[in-house]
C-alpha cells in the first residue's frame, strides 16, 4: 500500500493495478511468484467479474454449415446465488445430432452441447468445488448453472485412470446411445447378426464393439477404405465401403448372407430400403440418426415396402438416449458394463481432440464432413 501510488485503499478491497505487482513484491522483499500465485488470485476471486466465452449462431444455417455461421462472444457471468453452481468446461463434444437441433436456434442463441466440466464454486449442497461433472450448458468455457437438470454426476472420481474426455464419448452419451439402442430397443442377443451404418462414427464404432462383447456377428459400413480397415481392427466380422460397392443390396447379400436380425440405423436416406429388404423374420431396427439428411433443406423421402414389414414382422423404432437417463438403475448398470468392457480392452475409443475453444466450429464441420473416425472433442 505504501509503494503503490496508482492503487489506493487495498485494505478496503479495491485492487485495480495488477501491473505494479512486481514493485509491491520487491518493496516487502518477497519473491514475485509468491505474490502472484497467492495474493492476487484471492483478490481477483472476490472482486473481479468472471467471464465466459461462448459460441453463438451468427447467421441462419442453410444447407451445410460453415464457420461464418458461428461467432465467439465473451460475456460477464452473474454472481453465484444460493443453489447455483459455477462450472468450467474441460472438454466439449461435437455430435451429428446437433445439426438437427440448429433448426430450432436463432441468431444470437448459444450452440447446444455437453461437456466434461469442473465445479469451480458451488452454493448447492449436491455439488462441491473441484468435482467433475457432465454439463449440458452449450458451447461455453464457463457457466453459472441454476437449472440442475443441466448437470449430471460423472464417474471420473471413481475411475481416475480413465481419460475424462471419454465421458462425452465412448463411455458417455454416444456410447450409452449405442448400448440403449442395441440392447433395450432392439433386444439384441448372442448369435444374431447386427448391421450398423456410419460404423466408424462415435456411436457406430461402439455399437459394433459391444455387440461383439455380447456374442453377436457384426457387419458395418463406412465411407472410406481407411475407416473400413479401422473397423476390422476393432473386431468387426465384416466391413465395407458403401461408396465403392456399387449396389447396397448386393453388398448386404455378400456380407450378411444369413440376413440381418438387428439394424442400427444412423444414416437414413435411400440406403434404408435395401437394408429393410434384407431383414430377417422378427428383425428389429433402431433409428438413431439421419445424418444423410441433416444438411438438406427438404427431407429425404424413401419408399417403404409395407409388405416386407408385415410379412416379416419387422419392428422399427426411433429413440432418444435421454429416456435411459430418466431410469437411474438401468443407467448405472449400463455405465458399469461399458466401463468394464473398456478396462478389459473389449471397448476401444478413438478420439480426435482439437485444442482451443476457438476450434469448436471447425471440429463440428469436420465431423459432419466425415473427416475422421471415432469421436470429435474440443479441449
Foldseek 3Di string as FASTA:
>chain_A
DVPDPPWPDVVVLTDDCPPCLVVVCVVVVHPSVCCVPPPVVVSCVVPPFDKKKFKFQAQQAAFADDPNRIDIDMDTADDADAQKWKKFFPKWFFDLVQLLVSVVGDGPHTRWTKGWIATCCDNRPVDHHGFIWIAGPGLMRMHIDNPCVRIGHDCCVVPVVDDSRCCVFCLHQLVLLLVCLQCPQFVDAAPFEEEEEVLLARNNVNNQLVCVVRHYQYEYEHADPVSQVVSVVLPHPYYYHPVPPPDLLVVCCVVVVVFHQEYEAAADAASVVSNLLRHAQQHEYEHEHHLNPSRHPDGHDYDDPVVSCVVSVYYYDYDHSVVVVVPVVSSVVSSVVSVVCVVVVSDDADEDEAEDSSCVVVQNSCVSVVVDGGTYMYD
